[in-house]
Amino acid sequence: MPYISRTRRDEINKGEFIETPGELNYFVTDTLLDYLGDAPNYRDFNEVMGVLECCKLELYRRMIAPYEDGKKELNGDVFK
């Protein structure tokens, strides 16, 4: 969840290194809230959800799938 200490929020906002999943969640959430502004509507929410989904899919396609393929080669396939 994005509920990290105020101190860490300030540090991350100043460019400090993100160290935990919670801090990453905070950073992404804060960025999305800035993008959405003060009066978001359904279209804005829908666009943000689409961006997040595309980011997830691209991360999987470019980084996770090749990693898993390497582990399959190293350790053997579990699908017969």
PDB file of N, CA and C in Angstrom:
ATOM      1  N   MET A   1       0.843  -1.187   0.000  1.00  0.00           N
ATOM      2  CA  MET A   1       0.000   0.000   0.000  1.00  0.00           C
ATOM      3  C   MET A   1       0.883   1.243   0.000  1.00  0.00           C
ATOM      4  N   PRO A   2       0.333   2.365  -0.429  1.00  0.00           N
ATOM      5  CA  PRO A   2       1.148   3.575  -0.525  1.00  0.00           C
ATOM      6  C   PRO A   2       1.286   4.341   0.794  1.00  0.00           C
ATOM      7  N   TYR A   3       0.916   3.717   1.893  1.00  0.00           N
ATOM      8  CA  TYR A   3       0.891   4.442   3.161  1.00  0.00           C
ATOM      9  C   TYR A   3       2.215   4.305   3.881  1.00  0.00           C
ATOM     10  N   ILE A   4       3.217   5.042   3.399  1.00  0.00           N
ATOM     11  CA  ILE A   4       4.539   5.053   4.013  1.00  0.00           C
ATOM     12  C   ILE A   4       4.672   6.325   4.839  1.00  0.00           C
ATOM     13  N   SER A   5       5.707   6.401   5.644  1.00  0.00           N
ATOM     14  CA  SER A   5       5.873   7.553   6.531  1.00  0.00           C
ATOM     15  C   SER A   5       6.032   8.851   5.748  1.00  0.00           C
ATOM     16  N   ARG A   6       5.637   9.927   6.368  1.00  0.00           N
ATOM     17  CA  ARG A   6       5.780  11.249   5.745  1.00  0.00           C
ATOM     18  C   ARG A   6       7.244  11.530   5.407  1.00  0.00           C
ATOM     19  N   THR A   7       8.139  11.096   6.273  1.00  0.00           N
ATOM     20  CA  THR A   7       9.564  11.313   6.031  1.00  0.00           C
ATOM     21  C   THR A   7       9.992  10.639   4.734  1.00  0.00           C
ATOM     22  N   ARG A   8       9.607   9.366   4.560  1.00  0.00           N
ATOM     23  CA  ARG A   8       9.984   8.655   3.338  1.00  0.00           C
ATOM     24  C   ARG A   8       9.300   9.263   2.113  1.00  0.00           C
ATOM     25  N   ARG A   9       8.063   9.733   2.267  1.00  0.00           N
ATOM     26  CA  ARG A   9       7.383  10.386   1.146  1.00  0.00           C
ATOM     27  C   ARG A   9       8.188  11.595   0.680  1.00  0.00           C
ATOM     28  N   ASP A  10       8.598  12.417   1.650  1.00  0.00           N
ATOM     29  CA  ASP A  10       9.387  13.604   1.313  1.00  0.00           C
ATOM     30  C   ASP A  10      10.707  13.229   0.657  1.00  0.00           C
ATOM     31  N   GLU A  11      11.355  12.194   1.163  1.00  0.00           N
ATOM     32  CA  GLU A  11      12.640  11.754   0.605  1.00  0.00           C
ATOM     33  C   GLU A  11      12.467  11.255  -0.827  1.00  0.00           C
ATOM     34  N   ILE A  12      11.444  10.465  -1.059  1.00  0.00           N
ATOM     35  CA  ILE A  12      11.186   9.937  -2.402  1.00  0.00           C
ATOM     36  C   ILE A  12      10.818  11.072  -3.353  1.00  0.00           C
ATOM     37  N   ASN A  13      10.013  12.009  -2.875  1.00  0.00           N
ATOM     38  CA  ASN A  13       9.637  13.155  -3.705  1.00  0.00           C
ATOM     39  C   ASN A  13      10.842  14.000  -4.086  1.00  0.00           C
ATOM     40  N   LYS A  14      11.899  13.958  -3.283  1.00  0.00           N
ATOM     41  CA  LYS A  14      13.132  14.698  -3.576  1.00  0.00           C
ATOM     42  C   LYS A  14      14.102  13.870  -4.405  1.00  0.00           C
ATOM     43  N   GLY A  15      13.713  12.647  -4.771  1.00  0.00           N
ATOM     44  CA  GLY A  15      14.543  11.838  -5.639  1.00  0.00           C
ATOM     45  C   GLY A  15      15.325  10.731  -4.963  1.00  0.00           C
ATOM     46  N   GLU A  16      15.064  10.490  -3.681  1.00  0.00           N
ATOM     47  CA  GLU A  16      15.750   9.389  -2.989  1.00  0.00           C
ATOM     48  C   GLU A  16      15.380   8.053  -3.621  1.00  0.00           C
ATOM     49  N   PHE A  17      16.262   7.090  -3.497  1.00  0.00           N
ATOM     50  CA  PHE A  17      16.072   5.755  -4.060  1.00  0.00           C
ATOM     51  C   PHE A  17      14.887   5.054  -3.401  1.00  0.00           C
ATOM     52  N   ILE A  18      14.073   4.415  -4.222  1.00  0.00           N
ATOM     53  CA  ILE A  18      12.935   3.635  -3.738  1.00  0.00           C
ATOM     54  C   ILE A  18      13.449   2.274  -3.310  1.00  0.00           C
ATOM     55  N   GLU A  19      13.144   1.871  -2.064  1.00  0.00           N
ATOM     56  CA  GLU A  19      13.739   0.669  -1.486  1.00  0.00           C
ATOM     57  C   GLU A  19      12.781  -0.490  -1.272  1.00  0.00           C
ATOM     58  N   THR A  20      11.489  -0.236  -1.213  1.00  0.00           N
ATOM     59  CA  THR A  20      10.540  -1.295  -0.871  1.00  0.00           C
ATOM     60  C   THR A  20       9.352  -1.274  -1.837  1.00  0.00           C
ATOM     61  N   PRO A  21       8.614  -2.384  -1.909  1.00  0.00           N
ATOM     62  CA  PRO A  21       7.399  -2.386  -2.731  1.00  0.00           C
ATOM     63  C   PRO A  21       6.398  -1.308  -2.290  1.00  0.00           C
ATOM     64  N   GLY A  22       6.291  -1.071  -0.998  1.00  0.00           N
ATOM     65  CA  GLY A  22       5.388  -0.032  -0.506  1.00  0.00           C
ATOM     66  C   GLY A  22       5.791   1.348  -0.996  1.00  0.00           C
ATOM     67  N   GLU A  23       7.100   1.601  -1.026  1.00  0.00           N
ATOM     68  CA  GLU A  23       7.585   2.885  -1.531  1.00  0.00           C
ATOM     69  C   GLU A  23       7.342   3.016  -3.027  1.00  0.00           C
ATOM     70  N   LEU A  24       7.506   1.932  -3.761  1.00  0.00           N
ATOM     71  CA  LEU A  24       7.214   1.949  -5.193  1.00  0.00           C
ATOM     72  C   LEU A  24       5.729   2.211  -5.415  1.00  0.00           C
ATOM     73  N   ASN A  25       4.886   1.555  -4.615  1.00  0.00           N
ATOM     74  CA  ASN A  25       3.441   1.770  -4.702  1.00  0.00           C
ATOM     75  C   ASN A  25       3.120   3.236  -4.435  1.00  0.00           C
ATOM     76  N   TYR A  26       3.737   3.819  -3.412  1.00  0.00           N
ATOM     77  CA  TYR A  26       3.524   5.242  -3.113  1.00  0.00           C
ATOM     78  C   TYR A  26       3.882   6.097  -4.321  1.00  0.00           C
ATOM     79  N   PHE A  27       5.064   5.860  -4.896  1.00  0.00           N
ATOM     80  CA  PHE A  27       5.553   6.668  -6.010  1.00  0.00           C
ATOM     81  C   PHE A  27       4.603   6.599  -7.204  1.00  0.00           C
ATOM     82  N   VAL A  28       4.184   5.390  -7.554  1.00  0.00           N
ATOM     83  CA  VAL A  28       3.271   5.224  -8.682  1.00  0.00           C
ATOM     84  C   VAL A  28       1.932   5.899  -8.373  1.00  0.00           C
ATOM     85  N   THR A  29       1.406   5.670  -7.181  1.00  0.00           N
ATOM     86  CA  THR A  29       0.130   6.274  -6.793  1.00  0.00           C
ATOM     87  C   THR A  29       0.203   7.792  -6.821  1.00  0.00           C
ATOM     88  N   ASP A  30       1.259   8.354  -6.267  1.00  0.00           N
ATOM     89  CA  ASP A  30       1.439   9.799  -6.233  1.00  0.00           C
ATOM     90  C   ASP A  30       1.519  10.375  -7.651  1.00  0.00           C
ATOM     91  N   THR A  31       2.234   9.681  -8.525  1.00  0.00           N
ATOM     92  CA  THR A  31       2.354  10.120  -9.911  1.00  0.00           C
ATOM     93  C   THR A  31       0.992  10.099 -10.602  1.00  0.00           C
ATOM     94  N   LEU A  32       0.233   9.018 -10.374  1.00  0.00           N
ATOM     95  CA  LEU A  32      -1.094   8.918 -10.987  1.00  0.00           C
ATOM     96  C   LEU A  32      -2.036   9.990 -10.453  1.00  0.00           C
ATOM     97  N   LEU A  33      -1.976  10.254  -9.164  1.00  0.00           N
ATOM     98  CA  LEU A  33      -2.825  11.298  -8.588  1.00  0.00           C
ATOM     99  C   LEU A  33      -2.485  12.667  -9.168  1.00  0.00           C
ATOM    100  N   ASP A  34      -1.201  12.940  -9.373  1.00  0.00           N
ATOM    101  CA  ASP A  34      -0.800  14.195 -10.020  1.00  0.00           C
ATOM    102  C   ASP A  34      -1.367  14.279 -11.426  1.00  0.00           C
ATOM    103  N   TYR A  35      -1.270  13.177 -12.165  1.00  0.00           N
ATOM    104  CA  TYR A  35      -1.780  13.143 -13.531  1.00  0.00           C
ATOM    105  C   TYR A  35      -3.297  13.365 -13.564  1.00  0.00           C
ATOM    106  N   LEU A  36      -4.016  12.741 -12.646  1.00  0.00           N
ATOM    107  CA  LEU A  36      -5.482  12.824 -12.635  1.00  0.00           C
ATOM    108  C   LEU A  36      -5.991  14.209 -12.271  1.00  0.00           C
ATOM    109  N   GLY A  37      -5.244  14.937 -11.479  1.00  0.00           N
ATOM    110  CA  GLY A  37      -5.667  16.284 -11.111  1.00  0.00           C
ATOM    111  C   GLY A  37      -6.798  16.301 -10.098  1.00  0.00           C
ATOM    112  N   ASP A  38      -7.452  17.448 -10.015  1.00  0.00           N
ATOM    113  CA  ASP A  38      -8.448  17.678  -8.969  1.00  0.00           C
ATOM    114  C   ASP A  38      -9.855  17.178  -9.294  1.00  0.00           C
ATOM    115  N   ALA A  39     -10.166  16.983 -10.563  1.00  0.00           N
ATOM    116  CA  ALA A  39     -11.537  16.603 -10.918  1.00  0.00           C
ATOM    117  C   ALA A  39     -11.535  15.506 -11.985  1.00  0.00           C
ATOM    118  N   PRO A  40     -10.992  14.351 -11.663  1.00  0.00           N
ATOM    119  CA  PRO A  40     -10.965  13.284 -12.665  1.00  0.00           C
ATOM    120  C   PRO A  40     -12.371  12.757 -12.950  1.00  0.00           C
ATOM    121  N   ASN A  41     -12.540  12.277 -14.167  1.00  0.00           N
ATOM    122  CA  ASN A  41     -13.814  11.671 -14.542  1.00  0.00           C
ATOM    123  C   ASN A  41     -13.566  10.221 -14.963  1.00  0.00           C
ATOM    124  N   TYR A  42     -14.634   9.573 -15.391  1.00  0.00           N
ATOM    125  CA  TYR A  42     -14.528   8.159 -15.732  1.00  0.00           C
ATOM    126  C   TYR A  42     -13.492   7.921 -16.826  1.00  0.00           C
ATOM    127  N   ARG A  43     -13.493   8.769 -17.847  1.00  0.00           N
ATOM    128  CA  ARG A  43     -12.527   8.615 -18.933  1.00  0.00           C
ATOM    129  C   ARG A  43     -11.101   8.670 -18.416  1.00  0.00           C
ATOM    130  N   ASP A  44     -10.815   9.602 -17.496  1.00  0.00           N
ATOM    131  CA  ASP A  44      -9.482   9.714 -16.914  1.00  0.00           C
ATOM    132  C   ASP A  44      -9.099   8.440 -16.160  1.00  0.00           C
ATOM    133  N   PHE A  45     -10.024   7.945 -15.346  1.00  0.00           N
ATOM    134  CA  PHE A  45      -9.761   6.707 -14.602  1.00  0.00           C
ATOM    135  C   PHE A  45      -9.517   5.545 -15.565  1.00  0.00           C
ATOM    136  N   ASN A  46     -10.347   5.476 -16.600  1.00  0.00           N
ATOM    137  CA  ASN A  46     -10.219   4.411 -17.585  1.00  0.00           C
ATOM    138  C   ASN A  46      -8.868   4.482 -18.295  1.00  0.00           C
ATOM    139  N   GLU A  47      -8.434   5.677 -18.657  1.00  0.00           N
ATOM    140  CA  GLU A  47      -7.137   5.846 -19.311  1.00  0.00           C
ATOM    141  C   GLU A  47      -5.994   5.394 -18.411  1.00  0.00           C
ATOM    142  N   VAL A  48      -6.056   5.792 -17.148  1.00  0.00           N
ATOM    143  CA  VAL A  48      -5.000   5.410 -16.207  1.00  0.00           C
ATOM    144  C   VAL A  48      -4.962   3.897 -16.027  1.00  0.00           C
ATOM    145  N   MET A  49      -6.122   3.276 -15.921  1.00  0.00           N
ATOM    146  CA  MET A  49      -6.157   1.819 -15.792  1.00  0.00           C
ATOM    147  C   MET A  49      -5.557   1.154 -17.032  1.00  0.00           C
ATOM    148  N   GLY A  50      -5.826   1.699 -18.200  1.00  0.00           N
ATOM    149  CA  GLY A  50      -5.253   1.170 -19.424  1.00  0.00           C
ATOM    150  C   GLY A  50      -3.741   1.305 -19.463  1.00  0.00           C
ATOM    151  N   VAL A  51      -3.241   2.442 -19.020  1.00  0.00           N
ATOM    152  CA  VAL A  51      -1.793   2.652 -18.957  1.00  0.00           C
ATOM    153  C   VAL A  51      -1.154   1.647 -18.009  1.00  0.00           C
ATOM    154  N   LEU A  52      -1.738   1.469 -16.841  1.00  0.00           N
ATOM    155  CA  LEU A  52      -1.192   0.504 -15.880  1.00  0.00           C
ATOM    156  C   LEU A  52      -1.185  -0.908 -16.452  1.00  0.00           C
ATOM    157  N   GLU A  53      -2.267  -1.279 -17.129  1.00  0.00           N
ATOM    158  CA  GLU A  53      -2.335  -2.616 -17.727  1.00  0.00           C
ATOM    159  C   GLU A  53      -1.265  -2.780 -18.796  1.00  0.00           C
ATOM    160  N   CYS A  54      -1.077  -1.776 -19.634  1.00  0.00           N
ATOM    161  CA  CYS A  54      -0.046  -1.859 -20.673  1.00  0.00           C
ATOM    162  C   CYS A  54       1.348  -1.923 -20.067  1.00  0.00           C
ATOM    163  N   CYS A  55       1.594  -1.170 -19.009  1.00  0.00           N
ATOM    164  CA  CYS A  55       2.884  -1.242 -18.323  1.00  0.00           C
ATOM    165  C   CYS A  55       3.122  -2.640 -17.777  1.00  0.00           C
ATOM    166  N   LYS A  56       2.105  -3.212 -17.182  1.00  0.00           N
ATOM    167  CA  LYS A  56       2.211  -4.562 -16.632  1.00  0.00           C
ATOM    168  C   LYS A  56       2.516  -5.572 -17.729  1.00  0.00           C
ATOM    169  N   LEU A  57       1.774  -5.491 -18.813  1.00  0.00           N
ATOM    170  CA  LEU A  57       1.972  -6.441 -19.906  1.00  0.00           C
ATOM    171  C   LEU A  57       3.349  -6.301 -20.546  1.00  0.00           C
ATOM    172  N   GLU A  58       3.813  -5.084 -20.726  1.00  0.00           N
ATOM    173  CA  GLU A  58       5.127  -4.866 -21.334  1.00  0.00           C
ATOM    174  C   GLU A  58       6.246  -5.341 -20.417  1.00  0.00           C
ATOM    175  N   LEU A  59       6.098  -5.103 -19.119  1.00  0.00           N
ATOM    176  CA  LEU A  59       7.081  -5.613 -18.157  1.00  0.00           C
ATOM    177  C   LEU A  59       7.131  -7.133 -18.234  1.00  0.00           C
ATOM    178  N   TYR A  60       5.978  -7.776 -18.307  1.00  0.00           N
ATOM    179  CA  TYR A  60       5.936  -9.229 -18.401  1.00  0.00           C
ATOM    180  C   TYR A  60       6.589  -9.699 -19.695  1.00  0.00           C
ATOM    181  N   ARG A  61       6.221  -9.075 -20.802  1.00  0.00           N
ATOM    182  CA  ARG A  61       6.718  -9.498 -22.108  1.00  0.00           C
ATOM    183  C   ARG A  61       8.227  -9.317 -22.236  1.00  0.00           C
ATOM    184  N   ARG A  62       8.723  -8.178 -21.761  1.00  0.00           N
ATOM    185  CA  ARG A  62      10.131  -7.861 -21.981  1.00  0.00           C
ATOM    186  C   ARG A  62      11.075  -8.416 -20.929  1.00  0.00           C
ATOM    187  N   MET A  63      10.605  -8.586 -19.701  1.00  0.00           N
ATOM    188  CA  MET A  63      11.513  -8.969 -18.623  1.00  0.00           C
ATOM    189  C   MET A  63      11.163 -10.292 -17.949  1.00  0.00           C
ATOM    190  N   ILE A  64       9.893 -10.474 -17.618  1.00  0.00           N
ATOM    191  CA  ILE A  64       9.519 -11.638 -16.824  1.00  0.00           C
ATOM    192  C   ILE A  64       9.497 -12.910 -17.672  1.00  0.00           C
ATOM    193  N   ALA A  65       8.890 -12.851 -18.853  1.00  0.00           N
ATOM    194  CA  ALA A  65       8.834 -14.051 -19.697  1.00  0.00           C
ATOM    195  C   ALA A  65      10.237 -14.557 -20.063  1.00  0.00           C
ATOM    196  N   PRO A  66      11.172 -13.675 -20.481  1.00  0.00           N
ATOM    197  CA  PRO A  66      12.519 -14.176 -20.760  1.00  0.00           C
ATOM    198  C   PRO A  66      13.210 -14.760 -19.524  1.00  0.00           C
ATOM    199  N   TYR A  67      12.972 -14.162 -18.379  1.00  0.00           N
ATOM    200  CA  TYR A  67      13.532 -14.694 -17.135  1.00  0.00           C
ATOM    201  C   TYR A  67      13.004 -16.094 -16.878  1.00  0.00           C
ATOM    202  N   GLU A  68      11.689 -16.253 -16.995  1.00  0.00           N
ATOM    203  CA  GLU A  68      11.071 -17.561 -16.780  1.00  0.00           C
ATOM    204  C   GLU A  68      11.535 -18.578 -17.821  1.00  0.00           C
ATOM    205  N   ASP A  69      11.709 -18.161 -19.066  1.00  0.00           N
ATOM    206  CA  ASP A  69      12.214 -19.069 -20.099  1.00  0.00           C
ATOM    207  C   ASP A  69      13.613 -19.571 -19.737  1.00  0.00           C
ATOM    208  N   GLY A  70      14.448 -18.689 -19.219  1.00  0.00           N
ATOM    209  CA  GLY A  70      15.783 -19.100 -18.782  1.00  0.00           C
ATOM    210  C   GLY A  70      15.731 -20.095 -17.641  1.00  0.00           C
ATOM    211  N   LYS A  71      14.846 -19.866 -16.683  1.00  0.00           N
ATOM    212  CA  LYS A  71      14.698 -20.796 -15.557  1.00  0.00           C
ATOM    213  C   LYS A  71      14.158 -22.141 -16.026  1.00  0.00           C
ATOM    214  N   LYS A  72      13.263 -22.117 -17.020  1.00  0.00           N
ATOM    215  CA  LYS A  72      12.738 -23.370 -17.576  1.00  0.00           C
ATOM    216  C   LYS A  72      13.873 -24.173 -18.206  1.00  0.00           C
ATOM    217  N   GLU A  73      14.739 -23.503 -18.940  1.00  0.00           N
ATOM    218  CA  GLU A  73      15.874 -24.190 -19.564  1.00  0.00           C
ATOM    219  C   GLU A  73      16.831 -24.738 -18.515  1.00  0.00           C
ATOM    220  N   LEU A  74      17.050 -23.979 -17.476  1.00  0.00           N
ATOM    221  CA  LEU A  74      17.971 -24.381 -16.413  1.00  0.00           C
ATOM    222  C   LEU A  74      17.427 -25.533 -15.575  1.00  0.00           C
ATOM    223  N   ASN A  75      16.141 -25.450 -15.223  1.00  0.00           N
ATOM    224  CA  ASN A  75      15.567 -26.385 -14.258  1.00  0.00           C
ATOM    225  C   ASN A  75      14.604 -27.407 -14.852  1.00  0.00           C
ATOM    226  N   GLY A  76      14.263 -27.259 -16.112  1.00  0.00           N
ATOM    227  CA  GLY A  76      13.330 -28.186 -16.731  1.00  0.00           C
ATOM    228  C   GLY A  76      11.914 -27.649 -16.727  1.00  0.00           C
ATOM    229  N   ASP A  77      11.170 -28.023 -17.746  1.00  0.00           N
ATOM    230  CA  ASP A  77       9.798 -27.578 -17.932  1.00  0.00           C
ATOM    231  C   ASP A  77       8.854 -28.355 -17.008  1.00  0.00           C
ATOM    232  N   VAL A  78       7.894 -27.677 -16.407  1.00  0.00           N
ATOM    233  CA  VAL A  78       6.894 -28.367 -15.567  1.00  0.00           C
ATOM    234  C   VAL A  78       5.664 -28.744 -16.390  1.00  0.00           C
ATOM    235  N   PHE A  79       5.523 -28.171 -17.591  1.00  0.00           N
ATOM    236  CA  PHE A  79       4.410 -28.535 -18.478  1.00  0.00           C
ATOM    237  C   PHE A  79       4.886 -29.698 -19.350  1.00  0.00           C
ATOM    238  N   LYS A  80       4.117 -30.735 -19.389  1.00  0.00           N
ATOM    239  CA  LYS A  80       4.519 -31.928 -20.140  1.00  0.00           C
ATOM    240  C   LYS A  80       3.899 -31.942 -21.493  1.00  0.00           C
TER     241      LYS A  80
END
